[in-house]
C-alpha cells in the first residue's frame, strides 16, 4: 500500500510539474524573450493583420511573388503534403499542372530553367519561404506588372534573403510575404515608388 501511495504522489507531482508549471514557464519565457514570434509572427499593415511570416498564402496576381505550390490549398488548419509517391501518376499530373502554370505566368522561363521547388509542394504545404532562384525567376513578371525596375526587385530579394541555418544547412531563402509587403509599400508610397522605377 505504501508503494501505491508513493506512486500516486510521484504521478501527481510530475503531472503538476510537467503539465502545468513547465508549460507555463515556457509560455512566459517565450513571451518575454520572443514577444513577436510567440504571437505568431503576425504581419500588420496600418494596424490590420494581413498574414504571418510563418504561413504561406496564395498570391495569384502577377504583381506578387508567389510561394511554392500547396497540396492543401494554403489552408493553415489542414497543413500537410500530398503524400504522393514518385511513381504515382497523380503526382506526375500535379507537377505537370504546376509546371504549365509557372511557364504561363513566367514566359521568360523555359522548362529546363524552372526549379523543382516551383512545381513541387512542400512537406507542410504552407512553406512561406522560396529560394533566391525562385524569387529571381519571378522578377521579370513582377516588373512588367508593377512598373518597378528589375534592378530594384533584385536588390529587394538580396536585402530580404536569409542565410542558411548556422551558415551550413540548406540554402539562402527569402520570405514571400516580406517581399510582397515591400512591393505593396513601394507602390503605395510616392517617394519610394519613384526610386524603385
C-alpha atoms as a PDB file:
ATOM      1  CA  UNK A   1       0.000   0.000   0.000  1.00  0.00           C
ATOM      2  CA  UNK A   2       2.910   2.353   0.796  1.00  0.00           C
ATOM      3  CA  UNK A   3       4.287   1.838  -2.727  1.00  0.00           C
ATOM      4  CA  UNK A   4       0.901   2.623  -4.272  1.00  0.00           C
ATOM      5  CA  UNK A   5       0.625   5.890  -2.332  1.00  0.00           C
ATOM      6  CA  UNK A   6       4.212   6.787  -3.196  1.00  0.00           C
ATOM      7  CA  UNK A   7       3.489   6.091  -6.884  1.00  0.00           C
ATOM      8  CA  UNK A   8       0.330   8.211  -6.784  1.00  0.00           C
ATOM      9  CA  UNK A   9       2.197  11.125  -5.135  1.00  0.00           C
ATOM     10  CA  UNK A  10       5.017  10.796  -7.664  1.00  0.00           C
ATOM     11  CA  UNK A  11       2.484  10.824 -10.520  1.00  0.00           C
ATOM     12  CA  UNK A  12       0.605  13.827  -9.100  1.00  0.00           C
ATOM     13  CA  UNK A  13       3.796  15.852  -8.540  1.00  0.00           C
ATOM     14  CA  UNK A  14       5.154  15.172 -12.016  1.00  0.00           C
ATOM     15  CA  UNK A  15       1.755  15.751 -13.629  1.00  0.00           C
ATOM     16  CA  UNK A  16       1.660  19.181 -11.975  1.00  0.00           C
ATOM     17  CA  UNK A  17       5.293  19.962 -12.823  1.00  0.00           C
ATOM     18  CA  UNK A  18       5.223  18.778 -16.428  1.00  0.00           C
ATOM     19  CA  UNK A  19       1.584  19.530 -17.194  1.00  0.00           C
ATOM     20  CA  UNK A  20       1.207  22.941 -15.557  1.00  0.00           C
ATOM     21  CA  UNK A  21       4.448  24.503 -14.291  1.00  0.00           C
ATOM     22  CA  UNK A  22       6.742  23.629 -17.218  1.00  0.00           C
ATOM     23  CA  UNK A  23       4.307  24.804 -19.965  1.00  0.00           C
ATOM     24  CA  UNK A  24       3.550  27.977 -18.000  1.00  0.00           C
ATOM     25  CA  UNK A  25       7.253  28.800 -17.614  1.00  0.00           C
ATOM     26  CA  UNK A  26       7.791  28.066 -21.322  1.00  0.00           C
ATOM     27  CA  UNK A  27       4.981  30.433 -22.325  1.00  0.00           C
ATOM     28  CA  UNK A  28       6.180  33.209 -20.004  1.00  0.00           C
ATOM     29  CA  UNK A  29       9.801  32.919 -21.162  1.00  0.00           C
ATOM     30  CA  UNK A  30       8.631  32.820 -24.792  1.00  0.00           C
ATOM     31  CA  UNK A  31       6.553  35.989 -24.380  1.00  0.00           C
ATOM     32  CA  UNK A  32       9.409  37.805 -22.659  1.00  0.00           C
ATOM     33  CA  UNK A  33      12.296  36.655 -24.870  1.00  0.00           C
ATOM     34  CA  UNK A  34      10.423  36.460 -28.193  1.00  0.00           C
ATOM     35  CA  UNK A  35       7.274  38.612 -27.941  1.00  0.00           C
ATOM     36  CA  UNK A  36       6.643  38.947 -31.696  1.00  0.00           C
ATOM     37  CA  UNK A  37       7.383  35.307 -32.553  1.00  0.00           C
ATOM     38  CA  UNK A  38       5.311  33.961 -29.652  1.00  0.00           C
ATOM     39  CA  UNK A  39       2.276  35.764 -31.075  1.00  0.00           C
ATOM     40  CA  UNK A  40       2.624  34.022 -34.446  1.00  0.00           C
ATOM     41  CA  UNK A  41       4.959  36.447 -36.288  1.00  0.00           C
ATOM     42  CA  UNK A  42       1.908  38.351 -37.491  1.00  0.00           C
ATOM     43  CA  UNK A  43       2.430  40.951 -40.214  1.00  0.00           C
ATOM     44  CA  UNK A  44       0.384  44.138 -39.970  1.00  0.00           C
ATOM     45  CA  UNK A  45      -0.357  46.910 -42.429  1.00  0.00           C
ATOM     46  CA  UNK A  46      -1.865  50.068 -40.951  1.00  0.00           C
ATOM     47  CA  UNK A  47      -2.743  48.203 -37.755  1.00  0.00           C
ATOM     48  CA  UNK A  48      -4.532  45.371 -39.572  1.00  0.00           C
ATOM     49  CA  UNK A  49      -3.169  41.810 -39.571  1.00  0.00           C
ATOM     50  CA  UNK A  50      -2.576  40.718 -43.170  1.00  0.00           C
ATOM     51  CA  UNK A  51      -0.747  37.451 -42.609  1.00  0.00           C
ATOM     52  CA  UNK A  52       2.023  35.638 -40.809  1.00  0.00           C
ATOM     53  CA  UNK A  53       5.657  35.254 -41.801  1.00  0.00           C
ATOM     54  CA  UNK A  54       5.326  31.583 -40.851  1.00  0.00           C
ATOM     55  CA  UNK A  55       2.482  30.568 -43.178  1.00  0.00           C
ATOM     56  CA  UNK A  56       2.385  30.782 -46.968  1.00  0.00           C
ATOM     57  CA  UNK A  57      -0.553  32.416 -48.699  1.00  0.00           C
ATOM     58  CA  UNK A  58      -1.805  32.325 -52.257  1.00  0.00           C
ATOM     59  CA  UNK A  59      -0.830  35.401 -54.280  1.00  0.00           C
ATOM     60  CA  UNK A  60      -2.303  34.626 -57.712  1.00  0.00           C
ATOM     61  CA  UNK A  61      -1.940  38.120 -59.219  1.00  0.00           C
ATOM     62  CA  UNK A  62       1.130  38.623 -61.441  1.00  0.00           C
ATOM     63  CA  UNK A  63       2.339  41.613 -59.401  1.00  0.00           C
ATOM     64  CA  UNK A  64       3.274  39.470 -56.376  1.00  0.00           C
ATOM     65  CA  UNK A  65       5.956  36.940 -55.588  1.00  0.00           C
ATOM     66  CA  UNK A  66       4.387  33.527 -55.288  1.00  0.00           C
ATOM     67  CA  UNK A  67       5.139  30.807 -52.770  1.00  0.00           C
ATOM     68  CA  UNK A  68       5.652  27.150 -53.579  1.00  0.00           C
ATOM     69  CA  UNK A  69       2.552  25.231 -54.642  1.00  0.00           C
ATOM     70  CA  UNK A  70       0.441  23.960 -51.759  1.00  0.00           C
ATOM     71  CA  UNK A  71      -1.051  20.472 -51.558  1.00  0.00           C
ATOM     72  CA  UNK A  72      -3.597  21.823 -49.045  1.00  0.00           C
ATOM     73  CA  UNK A  73      -4.559  24.965 -50.987  1.00  0.00           C
ATOM     74  CA  UNK A  74      -2.782  27.153 -48.383  1.00  0.00           C
ATOM     75  CA  UNK A  75      -5.244  26.057 -45.667  1.00  0.00           C
ATOM     76  CA  UNK A  76      -3.391  26.599 -42.387  1.00  0.00           C
ATOM     77  CA  UNK A  77      -5.783  24.401 -40.423  1.00  0.00           C
ATOM     78  CA  UNK A  78      -5.020  21.399 -42.609  1.00  0.00           C
ATOM     79  CA  UNK A  79      -1.304  21.568 -43.301  1.00  0.00           C
ATOM     80  CA  UNK A  80       0.379  18.648 -44.986  1.00  0.00           C
ATOM     81  CA  UNK A  81       1.987  17.412 -48.151  1.00  0.00           C
ATOM     82  CA  UNK A  82       0.313  15.484 -50.922  1.00  0.00           C
ATOM     83  CA  UNK A  83       1.825  12.168 -49.752  1.00  0.00           C
ATOM     84  CA  UNK A  84       2.002  11.061 -53.373  1.00  0.00           C
ATOM     85  CA  UNK A  85       4.888   8.717 -54.120  1.00  0.00           C
ATOM     86  CA  UNK A  86       7.314   9.333 -57.007  1.00  0.00           C
ATOM     87  CA  UNK A  87       5.683   6.619 -59.136  1.00  0.00           C
ATOM     88  CA  UNK A  88       2.127   7.818 -58.506  1.00  0.00           C
ATOM     89  CA  UNK A  89       0.516   9.133 -61.718  1.00  0.00           C
ATOM     90  CA  UNK A  90      -1.361  11.760 -59.660  1.00  0.00           C
ATOM     91  CA  UNK A  91       1.968  13.313 -58.643  1.00  0.00           C
ATOM     92  CA  UNK A  92       3.022  13.498 -62.292  1.00  0.00           C
ATOM     93  CA  UNK A  93      -0.294  15.220 -63.135  1.00  0.00           C
ATOM     94  CA  UNK A  94       0.048  17.667 -60.240  1.00  0.00           C
ATOM     95  CA  UNK A  95       3.638  18.598 -61.114  1.00  0.00           C
ATOM     96  CA  UNK A  96       2.774  18.913 -64.829  1.00  0.00           C
ATOM     97  CA  UNK A  97      -0.135  21.220 -63.990  1.00  0.00           C
ATOM     98  CA  UNK A  98       2.091  23.327 -61.725  1.00  0.00           C
ATOM     99  CA  UNK A  99       4.768  23.475 -64.442  1.00  0.00           C
ATOM    100  CA  UNK A 100       2.239  24.724 -67.007  1.00  0.00           C
ATOM    101  CA  UNK A 101       1.080  27.387 -64.543  1.00  0.00           C
ATOM    102  CA  UNK A 102       4.642  28.567 -63.832  1.00  0.00           C
ATOM    103  CA  UNK A 103       5.503  28.725 -67.554  1.00  0.00           C
ATOM    104  CA  UNK A 104       2.298  30.632 -68.328  1.00  0.00           C
ATOM    105  CA  UNK A 105       2.946  33.141 -65.537  1.00  0.00           C
ATOM    106  CA  UNK A 106       6.660  33.470 -66.328  1.00  0.00           C
ATOM    107  CA  UNK A 107       7.015  33.308 -70.133  1.00  0.00           C
ATOM    108  CA  UNK A 108      10.699  34.261 -69.950  1.00  0.00           C
ATOM    109  CA  UNK A 109      11.456  30.813 -68.458  1.00  0.00           C
ATOM    110  CA  UNK A 110      11.981  27.600 -70.384  1.00  0.00           C
ATOM    111  CA  UNK A 111      11.056  24.188 -68.965  1.00  0.00           C
ATOM    112  CA  UNK A 112      14.719  23.478 -68.173  1.00  0.00           C
ATOM    113  CA  UNK A 113      15.028  26.729 -66.190  1.00  0.00           C
ATOM    114  CA  UNK A 114      12.118  26.032 -63.814  1.00  0.00           C
ATOM    115  CA  UNK A 115      13.430  24.771 -60.466  1.00  0.00           C
ATOM    116  CA  UNK A 116      11.658  21.790 -58.920  1.00  0.00           C
ATOM    117  CA  UNK A 117      10.778  23.873 -55.875  1.00  0.00           C
ATOM    118  CA  UNK A 118       8.445  25.986 -58.036  1.00  0.00           C
ATOM    119  CA  UNK A 119       6.413  22.967 -59.159  1.00  0.00           C
ATOM    120  CA  UNK A 120       6.502  20.597 -56.170  1.00  0.00           C
ATOM    121  CA  UNK A 121       4.608  21.378 -52.978  1.00  0.00           C
ATOM    122  CA  UNK A 122       6.469  21.499 -49.694  1.00  0.00           C
ATOM    123  CA  UNK A 123       6.023  18.920 -46.953  1.00  0.00           C
ATOM    124  CA  UNK A 124       3.766  21.203 -44.924  1.00  0.00           C
ATOM    125  CA  UNK A 125       2.005  22.785 -47.893  1.00  0.00           C
ATOM    126  CA  UNK A 126       2.500  26.115 -46.116  1.00  0.00           C
ATOM    127  CA  UNK A 127       6.207  26.866 -46.586  1.00  0.00           C
ATOM    128  CA  UNK A 128       6.444  30.694 -46.511  1.00  0.00           C
ATOM    129  CA  UNK A 129       9.953  30.872 -47.992  1.00  0.00           C
ATOM    130  CA  UNK A 130      11.267  30.393 -51.505  1.00  0.00           C
ATOM    131  CA  UNK A 131      14.802  30.034 -52.803  1.00  0.00           C
ATOM    132  CA  UNK A 132      16.609  33.030 -54.242  1.00  0.00           C
ATOM    133  CA  UNK A 133      16.448  31.419 -57.698  1.00  0.00           C
ATOM    134  CA  UNK A 134      12.669  31.054 -57.354  1.00  0.00           C
ATOM    135  CA  UNK A 135      12.456  34.748 -56.487  1.00  0.00           C
ATOM    136  CA  UNK A 136      14.818  35.897 -59.262  1.00  0.00           C
ATOM    137  CA  UNK A 137      12.863  33.868 -61.837  1.00  0.00           C
ATOM    138  CA  UNK A 138       9.685  35.786 -60.932  1.00  0.00           C
ATOM    139  CA  UNK A 139      11.230  39.264 -61.188  1.00  0.00           C
ATOM    140  CA  UNK A 140      10.543  39.905 -64.923  1.00  0.00           C
ATOM    141  CA  UNK A 141       6.822  39.135 -64.449  1.00  0.00           C
ATOM    142  CA  UNK A 142       6.549  41.332 -61.356  1.00  0.00           C
ATOM    143  CA  UNK A 143       8.452  44.169 -63.015  1.00  0.00           C
ATOM    144  CA  UNK A 144       6.102  44.075 -66.018  1.00  0.00           C
ATOM    145  CA  UNK A 145       3.014  44.014 -63.775  1.00  0.00           C
ATOM    146  CA  UNK A 146       4.091  46.751 -61.345  1.00  0.00           C
ATOM    147  CA  UNK A 147       6.438  49.007 -63.283  1.00  0.00           C
ATOM    148  CA  UNK A 148       9.088  48.504 -60.587  1.00  0.00           C
ATOM    149  CA  UNK A 149      12.547  48.069 -62.066  1.00  0.00           C
ATOM    150  CA  UNK A 150      14.127  44.629 -62.196  1.00  0.00           C
ATOM    151  CA  UNK A 151      17.240  46.061 -60.526  1.00  0.00           C
ATOM    152  CA  UNK A 152      15.166  47.346 -57.591  1.00  0.00           C
ATOM    153  CA  UNK A 153      13.372  43.990 -57.253  1.00  0.00           C
ATOM    154  CA  UNK A 154      16.673  42.087 -57.353  1.00  0.00           C
ATOM    155  CA  UNK A 155      18.090  44.345 -54.635  1.00  0.00           C
ATOM    156  CA  UNK A 156      14.922  43.773 -52.606  1.00  0.00           C
ATOM    157  CA  UNK A 157      15.363  39.993 -52.826  1.00  0.00           C
ATOM    158  CA  UNK A 158      19.024  40.274 -51.796  1.00  0.00           C
ATOM    159  CA  UNK A 159      18.148  42.569 -48.891  1.00  0.00           C
ATOM    160  CA  UNK A 160      15.398  40.251 -47.591  1.00  0.00           C
ATOM    161  CA  UNK A 161      17.356  36.996 -48.060  1.00  0.00           C
ATOM    162  CA  UNK A 162      18.151  34.904 -45.005  1.00  0.00           C
ATOM    163  CA  UNK A 163      21.337  32.871 -44.761  1.00  0.00           C
ATOM    164  CA  UNK A 164      21.340  29.074 -44.453  1.00  0.00           C
ATOM    165  CA  UNK A 165      20.801  27.732 -40.933  1.00  0.00           C
ATOM    166  CA  UNK A 166      24.067  28.056 -38.987  1.00  0.00           C
ATOM    167  CA  UNK A 167      25.664  29.071 -42.280  1.00  0.00           C
ATOM    168  CA  UNK A 168      25.750  25.401 -43.321  1.00  0.00           C
ATOM    169  CA  UNK A 169      22.365  23.776 -43.718  1.00  0.00           C
ATOM    170  CA  UNK A 170      20.128  24.374 -46.714  1.00  0.00           C
ATOM    171  CA  UNK A 171      20.383  27.413 -48.909  1.00  0.00           C
ATOM    172  CA  UNK A 172      19.544  31.087 -48.710  1.00  0.00           C
ATOM    173  CA  UNK A 173      15.813  31.677 -48.668  1.00  0.00           C
ATOM    174  CA  UNK A 174      13.502  34.672 -48.791  1.00  0.00           C
ATOM    175  CA  UNK A 175      10.083  35.138 -47.202  1.00  0.00           C
ATOM    176  CA  UNK A 176       7.303  35.719 -49.739  1.00  0.00           C
ATOM    177  CA  UNK A 177       5.087  37.869 -47.529  1.00  0.00           C
ATOM    178  CA  UNK A 178       8.049  40.130 -46.654  1.00  0.00           C
ATOM    179  CA  UNK A 179       8.794  40.615 -50.355  1.00  0.00           C
ATOM    180  CA  UNK A 180       5.163  41.296 -51.211  1.00  0.00           C
ATOM    181  CA  UNK A 181       4.777  43.730 -48.330  1.00  0.00           C
ATOM    182  CA  UNK A 182       7.807  45.657 -49.621  1.00  0.00           C
ATOM    183  CA  UNK A 183       6.274  45.751 -53.112  1.00  0.00           C
ATOM    184  CA  UNK A 184       2.981  46.988 -51.657  1.00  0.00           C
ATOM    185  CA  UNK A 185       4.820  49.706 -49.715  1.00  0.00           C
ATOM    186  CA  UNK A 186       6.773  50.745 -52.812  1.00  0.00           C
ATOM    187  CA  UNK A 187       3.582  51.024 -54.853  1.00  0.00           C
ATOM    188  CA  UNK A 188       1.719  52.952 -52.141  1.00  0.00           C
ATOM    189  CA  UNK A 189       4.472  55.351 -51.111  1.00  0.00           C
ATOM    190  CA  UNK A 190       5.148  58.002 -53.743  1.00  0.00           C
ATOM    191  CA  UNK A 191       8.738  58.701 -52.673  1.00  0.00           C
ATOM    192  CA  UNK A 192       9.713  55.035 -52.557  1.00  0.00           C
ATOM    193  CA  UNK A 193       7.863  54.191 -55.777  1.00  0.00           C
ATOM    194  CA  UNK A 194       9.807  56.891 -57.599  1.00  0.00           C
ATOM    195  CA  UNK A 195      13.138  55.426 -56.523  1.00  0.00           C
ATOM    196  CA  UNK A 196      12.025  51.898 -57.411  1.00  0.00           C
ATOM    197  CA  UNK A 197      11.214  52.664 -61.042  1.00  0.00           C
END
